[in-house]
Amino acid sequence: MTTPSPTRPHPDPDGRKGAIEGDRPDDEQQFNPHGDGVDDEGMPDDPIATAEDAIGANEDGTEG
């Protein structure tokens, strides 16, 4: 009788999804590379992002 060799587990494709935790400089960090998107008066200051939001709202029927 032969003993089957153990199979290696497949890497989890979703292993890097979800919350990223860590506060060391070498940990992966979450941030918005485009800035906060508002000017000093609190109004949107990124016309491309504003247009993308409007397009998305029109597509899914939500307010934008």
Protein backbone atom coordinates (compact mmCIF):
# COMPACT_ATOMS: atom_id res chain seq x y z
CA MET A 1 0.00 0.00 0.00
CA THR A 2 1.40 3.39 -0.94
CA THR A 3 0.95 6.47 1.15
CA PRO A 4 -0.14 9.51 -0.83
CA SER A 5 2.24 12.41 -0.55
CA PRO A 6 0.80 15.46 1.17
CA THR A 7 -0.30 18.14 -1.22
CA ARG A 8 0.82 21.69 -0.78
CA PRO A 9 -1.96 24.10 0.01
CA HIS A 10 -2.68 26.59 -2.71
CA PRO A 11 -1.99 30.21 -1.78
CA ASP A 12 -5.13 32.09 -0.88
CA PRO A 13 -5.89 34.51 -3.75
CA ASP A 14 -7.79 36.73 -1.30
CA GLY A 15 -5.02 36.77 1.27
CA ARG A 16 -4.16 40.43 0.64
CA LYS A 17 -7.74 41.68 0.64
CA GLY A 18 -9.44 43.29 3.59
CA ALA A 19 -8.11 45.56 6.27
CA ILE A 20 -4.43 46.36 6.22
CA GLU A 21 -3.10 46.75 9.70
CA GLY A 22 0.28 47.83 10.92
CA ASP A 23 2.02 50.98 11.94
CA ARG A 24 5.63 50.17 11.18
CA PRO A 25 7.23 51.91 8.18
CA ASP A 26 7.87 48.58 6.45
CA ASP A 27 4.19 47.53 6.74
CA GLU A 28 1.94 48.10 3.75
CA GLN A 29 0.14 51.40 4.23
CA GLN A 30 -3.27 52.56 3.04
CA PHE A 31 -3.54 56.11 1.82
CA ASN A 32 -5.18 58.19 -0.84
CA PRO A 33 -2.52 59.24 -3.37
CA HIS A 34 -4.85 61.89 -4.81
CA GLY A 35 -5.21 63.96 -1.66
CA ASP A 36 -8.42 64.78 0.15
CA GLY A 37 -10.27 66.12 -2.91
CA VAL A 38 -11.57 69.30 -1.31
CA ASP A 39 -10.29 72.86 -1.29
CA ASP A 40 -9.97 75.23 1.68
CA GLU A 41 -13.70 75.98 1.55
CA GLY A 42 -14.68 72.30 1.54
CA MET A 43 -15.69 72.26 -2.12
CA PRO A 44 -14.55 69.53 -4.53
CA ASP A 45 -11.33 70.48 -6.29
CA ASP A 46 -10.78 67.46 -8.54
CA PRO A 47 -12.91 67.81 -11.68
CA ILE A 48 -11.98 64.33 -12.97
CA ALA A 49 -13.04 62.62 -9.73
CA THR A 50 -16.23 64.69 -9.63
CA ALA A 51 -17.07 63.65 -13.21
CA GLU A 52 -16.35 59.99 -12.41
CA ASP A 53 -18.65 60.18 -9.39
CA ALA A 54 -21.41 61.71 -11.51
CA ILE A 55 -21.02 59.04 -14.20
CA GLY A 56 -21.16 56.28 -11.59
CA ALA A 57 -24.24 57.80 -9.95
CA ASN A 58 -25.97 58.03 -13.33
CA GLU A 59 -25.10 54.42 -14.13
CA ASP A 60 -26.45 52.92 -10.93
CA GLY A 61 -29.32 55.37 -10.45
CA THR A 62 -28.13 56.90 -7.20
CA GLU A 63 -27.71 60.56 -6.40
CA GLY A 64 -24.29 61.96 -7.09
